Amino acid sequence: MYYVYILECKDGTLYTGWTVNLEKRLARHNEGKGAKYTHSRYPVQLKYAEQVAGKNEACRREYNIKLLSRLDKMKLIEQNPVKCLIPNK
């Protein structure tokens, strides 16, 4: 399963990405070892995530979200609150 996600960085900016392991990827971002954009802006907070069926769909969805304005991304986040996609340990 693939995930497309939006993070809010400590400076209030939004970052969009995709992954096959949401828990591990979120941890990497919060260790400063995630994307180049987030490594100086952590800690980050997961604001939005959705499951998609495959890599192509994940890449397409990520691209489409990145084209949205900040206002539209915030509306997407508000309309789709993050549900627990990361299993409890």
N, C-alpha and C. Protein backbone atom coordinates (compact mmCIF):
# COMPACT_ATOMS: atom_id res chain seq x y z
N MET A 1 0.85 -1.18 0.00
CA MET A 1 0.00 0.00 0.00
C MET A 1 0.89 1.24 0.00
N TYR A 2 0.45 2.25 -0.70
CA TYR A 2 1.17 3.51 -0.79
C TYR A 2 0.35 4.60 -0.08
N TYR A 3 1.06 5.60 0.43
CA TYR A 3 0.43 6.71 1.13
C TYR A 3 0.90 8.02 0.53
N VAL A 4 -0.01 8.96 0.41
CA VAL A 4 0.31 10.34 0.07
C VAL A 4 -0.02 11.14 1.32
N TYR A 5 0.87 12.05 1.69
CA TYR A 5 0.70 12.73 2.96
C TYR A 5 1.08 14.20 2.88
N ILE A 6 0.55 14.97 3.82
CA ILE A 6 0.92 16.38 3.98
C ILE A 6 1.39 16.54 5.42
N LEU A 7 2.55 17.17 5.56
CA LEU A 7 3.10 17.48 6.87
C LEU A 7 3.07 18.99 7.09
N GLU A 8 2.92 19.39 8.34
CA GLU A 8 3.11 20.78 8.70
C GLU A 8 4.44 20.87 9.42
N CYS A 9 5.32 21.71 8.90
CA CYS A 9 6.64 21.89 9.48
C CYS A 9 6.59 22.88 10.64
N LYS A 10 7.66 22.92 11.44
CA LYS A 10 7.67 23.80 12.61
C LYS A 10 7.52 25.27 12.25
N ASP A 11 7.88 25.63 11.01
CA ASP A 11 7.72 27.03 10.59
C ASP A 11 6.35 27.30 9.97
N GLY A 12 5.45 26.29 10.01
CA GLY A 12 4.10 26.48 9.51
C GLY A 12 3.92 26.16 8.04
N THR A 13 5.01 25.86 7.35
CA THR A 13 4.89 25.50 5.93
C THR A 13 4.39 24.07 5.80
N LEU A 14 3.90 23.75 4.61
CA LEU A 14 3.36 22.42 4.33
C LEU A 14 4.29 21.69 3.38
N TYR A 15 4.44 20.40 3.60
CA TYR A 15 5.25 19.54 2.74
C TYR A 15 4.39 18.35 2.32
N THR A 16 4.42 18.02 1.05
CA THR A 16 3.66 16.88 0.53
C THR A 16 4.62 15.83 0.00
N GLY A 17 4.32 14.57 0.30
CA GLY A 17 5.16 13.48 -0.19
C GLY A 17 4.37 12.20 -0.29
N TRP A 18 5.07 11.11 -0.66
CA TRP A 18 4.45 9.78 -0.71
C TRP A 18 5.44 8.77 -0.16
N THR A 19 4.91 7.66 0.29
CA THR A 19 5.74 6.63 0.89
C THR A 19 5.00 5.29 0.89
N VAL A 20 5.73 4.23 1.15
CA VAL A 20 5.10 2.92 1.34
C VAL A 20 5.00 2.59 2.82
N ASN A 21 5.72 3.33 3.67
CA ASN A 21 5.70 3.09 5.11
C ASN A 21 5.57 4.43 5.82
N LEU A 22 4.35 4.81 6.13
CA LEU A 22 4.07 6.12 6.70
C LEU A 22 4.74 6.33 8.04
N GLU A 23 4.69 5.33 8.89
CA GLU A 23 5.29 5.44 10.22
C GLU A 23 6.79 5.69 10.12
N LYS A 24 7.47 4.91 9.32
CA LYS A 24 8.92 5.05 9.17
C LYS A 24 9.28 6.39 8.55
N ARG A 25 8.52 6.79 7.54
CA ARG A 25 8.81 8.05 6.85
C ARG A 25 8.61 9.25 7.78
N LEU A 26 7.57 9.22 8.57
CA LEU A 26 7.32 10.31 9.52
C LEU A 26 8.46 10.38 10.54
N ALA A 27 8.91 9.23 11.01
CA ALA A 27 10.04 9.19 11.95
C ALA A 27 11.29 9.78 11.31
N ARG A 28 11.56 9.43 10.06
CA ARG A 28 12.74 9.96 9.35
C ARG A 28 12.65 11.49 9.23
N HIS A 29 11.47 12.00 8.89
CA HIS A 29 11.32 13.46 8.82
C HIS A 29 11.62 14.09 10.17
N ASN A 30 11.15 13.47 11.25
CA ASN A 30 11.34 14.05 12.58
C ASN A 30 12.72 13.80 13.16
N GLU A 31 13.54 13.03 12.48
CA GLU A 31 14.95 12.87 12.84
C GLU A 31 15.81 13.84 12.04
N GLY A 32 15.20 14.61 11.16
CA GLY A 32 15.95 15.50 10.29
C GLY A 32 16.60 14.78 9.13
N LYS A 33 16.15 13.56 8.86
CA LYS A 33 16.74 12.74 7.80
C LYS A 33 15.75 12.46 6.68
N GLY A 34 14.66 13.20 6.67
CA GLY A 34 13.66 13.01 5.63
C GLY A 34 14.05 13.78 4.38
N ALA A 35 13.14 14.46 3.81
CA ALA A 35 13.39 15.23 2.59
C ALA A 35 14.28 16.43 2.88
N LYS A 36 14.97 16.88 1.86
CA LYS A 36 15.83 18.05 2.00
C LYS A 36 15.05 19.25 2.55
N TYR A 37 13.80 19.39 2.10
CA TYR A 37 12.97 20.51 2.55
C TYR A 37 12.70 20.46 4.05
N THR A 38 12.45 19.28 4.59
CA THR A 38 12.05 19.19 5.99
C THR A 38 13.23 19.05 6.96
N HIS A 39 14.43 18.75 6.48
CA HIS A 39 15.51 18.47 7.42
C HIS A 39 15.91 19.67 8.27
N SER A 40 15.58 20.87 7.84
CA SER A 40 15.84 22.05 8.66
C SER A 40 14.56 22.62 9.26
N ARG A 41 13.44 21.92 9.06
CA ARG A 41 12.14 22.42 9.52
C ARG A 41 11.42 21.44 10.44
N TYR A 42 12.15 20.49 10.99
CA TYR A 42 11.48 19.54 11.87
C TYR A 42 11.51 20.07 13.29
N PRO A 43 10.62 19.66 14.17
CA PRO A 43 9.71 18.54 14.00
C PRO A 43 8.55 18.89 13.07
N VAL A 44 8.02 17.84 12.46
CA VAL A 44 6.87 17.98 11.57
C VAL A 44 5.70 17.24 12.17
N GLN A 45 4.51 17.60 11.72
CA GLN A 45 3.30 16.97 12.23
C GLN A 45 2.47 16.51 11.04
N LEU A 46 2.02 15.25 11.09
CA LEU A 46 1.18 14.70 10.04
C LEU A 46 -0.19 15.37 10.08
N LYS A 47 -0.57 15.98 8.96
CA LYS A 47 -1.85 16.68 8.89
C LYS A 47 -2.85 15.98 7.98
N TYR A 48 -2.35 15.24 7.01
CA TYR A 48 -3.23 14.60 6.03
C TYR A 48 -2.53 13.36 5.49
N ALA A 49 -3.29 12.30 5.29
CA ALA A 49 -2.75 11.10 4.65
C ALA A 49 -3.88 10.36 3.97
N GLU A 50 -3.56 9.77 2.85
CA GLU A 50 -4.53 8.92 2.16
C GLU A 50 -3.80 7.73 1.57
N GLN A 51 -4.49 6.61 1.52
CA GLN A 51 -3.93 5.41 0.91
C GLN A 51 -4.28 5.39 -0.56
N VAL A 52 -3.33 4.96 -1.37
CA VAL A 52 -3.56 4.77 -2.79
C VAL A 52 -3.02 3.40 -3.19
N ALA A 53 -3.47 2.92 -4.32
CA ALA A 53 -3.19 1.53 -4.69
C ALA A 53 -1.77 1.28 -5.20
N GLY A 54 -1.16 2.23 -5.88
CA GLY A 54 0.14 1.95 -6.48
C GLY A 54 1.03 3.17 -6.56
N LYS A 55 2.27 2.94 -6.98
CA LYS A 55 3.26 4.01 -7.05
C LYS A 55 2.85 5.09 -8.04
N ASN A 56 2.37 4.70 -9.21
CA ASN A 56 1.96 5.70 -10.21
C ASN A 56 0.86 6.59 -9.67
N GLU A 57 -0.10 5.99 -9.01
CA GLU A 57 -1.20 6.77 -8.44
C GLU A 57 -0.68 7.70 -7.33
N ALA A 58 0.26 7.20 -6.53
CA ALA A 58 0.84 8.02 -5.46
C ALA A 58 1.58 9.22 -6.03
N CYS A 59 2.37 8.99 -7.05
CA CYS A 59 3.11 10.08 -7.68
C CYS A 59 2.19 11.11 -8.31
N ARG A 60 1.13 10.63 -8.97
CA ARG A 60 0.16 11.54 -9.58
C ARG A 60 -0.56 12.37 -8.52
N ARG A 61 -0.99 11.70 -7.45
CA ARG A 61 -1.72 12.40 -6.40
C ARG A 61 -0.83 13.42 -5.70
N GLU A 62 0.41 13.04 -5.42
CA GLU A 62 1.36 13.98 -4.81
C GLU A 62 1.52 15.21 -5.70
N TYR A 63 1.71 15.00 -6.98
CA TYR A 63 1.87 16.10 -7.92
C TYR A 63 0.64 17.01 -7.93
N ASN A 64 -0.54 16.41 -7.96
CA ASN A 64 -1.78 17.20 -7.97
C ASN A 64 -1.95 18.00 -6.69
N ILE A 65 -1.59 17.42 -5.55
CA ILE A 65 -1.68 18.17 -4.29
C ILE A 65 -0.67 19.31 -4.29
N LYS A 66 0.52 19.07 -4.78
CA LYS A 66 1.54 20.13 -4.81
C LYS A 66 1.11 21.31 -5.69
N LEU A 67 0.25 21.07 -6.66
CA LEU A 67 -0.25 22.15 -7.51
C LEU A 67 -1.29 23.02 -6.81
N LEU A 68 -1.88 22.52 -5.73
CA LEU A 68 -2.90 23.27 -5.01
C LEU A 68 -2.29 24.47 -4.29
N SER A 69 -3.09 25.49 -4.10
CA SER A 69 -2.67 26.64 -3.30
C SER A 69 -2.64 26.21 -1.83
N ARG A 70 -1.99 27.00 -1.01
CA ARG A 70 -1.95 26.69 0.43
C ARG A 70 -3.38 26.64 0.98
N LEU A 71 -4.22 27.57 0.56
CA LEU A 71 -5.60 27.61 1.03
C LEU A 71 -6.33 26.31 0.67
N ASP A 72 -6.15 25.85 -0.55
CA ASP A 72 -6.80 24.61 -0.97
C ASP A 72 -6.25 23.40 -0.21
N LYS A 73 -4.95 23.40 0.08
CA LYS A 73 -4.37 22.32 0.89
C LYS A 73 -4.96 22.32 2.30
N MET A 74 -5.14 23.52 2.86
CA MET A 74 -5.72 23.62 4.20
C MET A 74 -7.16 23.13 4.19
N LYS A 75 -7.90 23.42 3.13
CA LYS A 75 -9.27 22.91 3.01
C LYS A 75 -9.28 21.39 2.93
N LEU A 76 -8.35 20.83 2.17
CA LEU A 76 -8.22 19.38 2.06
C LEU A 76 -7.95 18.76 3.42
N ILE A 77 -7.07 19.38 4.18
CA ILE A 77 -6.73 18.90 5.53
C ILE A 77 -7.96 18.97 6.44
N GLU A 78 -8.67 20.10 6.40
CA GLU A 78 -9.84 20.29 7.25
C GLU A 78 -10.97 19.31 6.91
N GLN A 79 -11.15 19.03 5.64
CA GLN A 79 -12.22 18.14 5.20
C GLN A 79 -11.90 16.66 5.42
N ASN A 80 -10.63 16.35 5.62
CA ASN A 80 -10.19 14.97 5.76
C ASN A 80 -9.24 14.84 6.94
N PRO A 81 -9.74 14.95 8.16
CA PRO A 81 -8.84 14.87 9.31
C PRO A 81 -8.09 13.53 9.31
N VAL A 82 -6.86 13.56 9.77
CA VAL A 82 -6.03 12.36 9.80
C VAL A 82 -6.65 11.34 10.72
N LYS A 83 -6.87 10.18 10.17
CA LYS A 83 -7.32 9.04 10.98
C LYS A 83 -6.05 8.26 11.31
N CYS A 84 -6.14 7.44 12.29
CA CYS A 84 -4.95 6.69 12.70
C CYS A 84 -4.58 5.68 11.61
N LEU A 85 -3.60 6.03 10.80
CA LEU A 85 -3.11 5.14 9.76
C LEU A 85 -1.85 4.39 10.24
N ILE A 86 -1.32 4.86 11.34
CA ILE A 86 -0.11 4.25 11.89
C ILE A 86 -0.52 3.37 13.06
N PRO A 87 -0.28 2.07 12.99
CA PRO A 87 -0.71 1.17 14.06
C PRO A 87 0.00 1.48 15.38
N ASN A 88 -0.74 1.29 16.47
CA ASN A 88 -0.14 1.48 17.80
C ASN A 88 0.85 0.38 18.07
N LYS A 89 1.89 0.72 18.80
CA LYS A 89 2.90 -0.28 19.16
C LYS A 89 2.68 -0.75 20.55
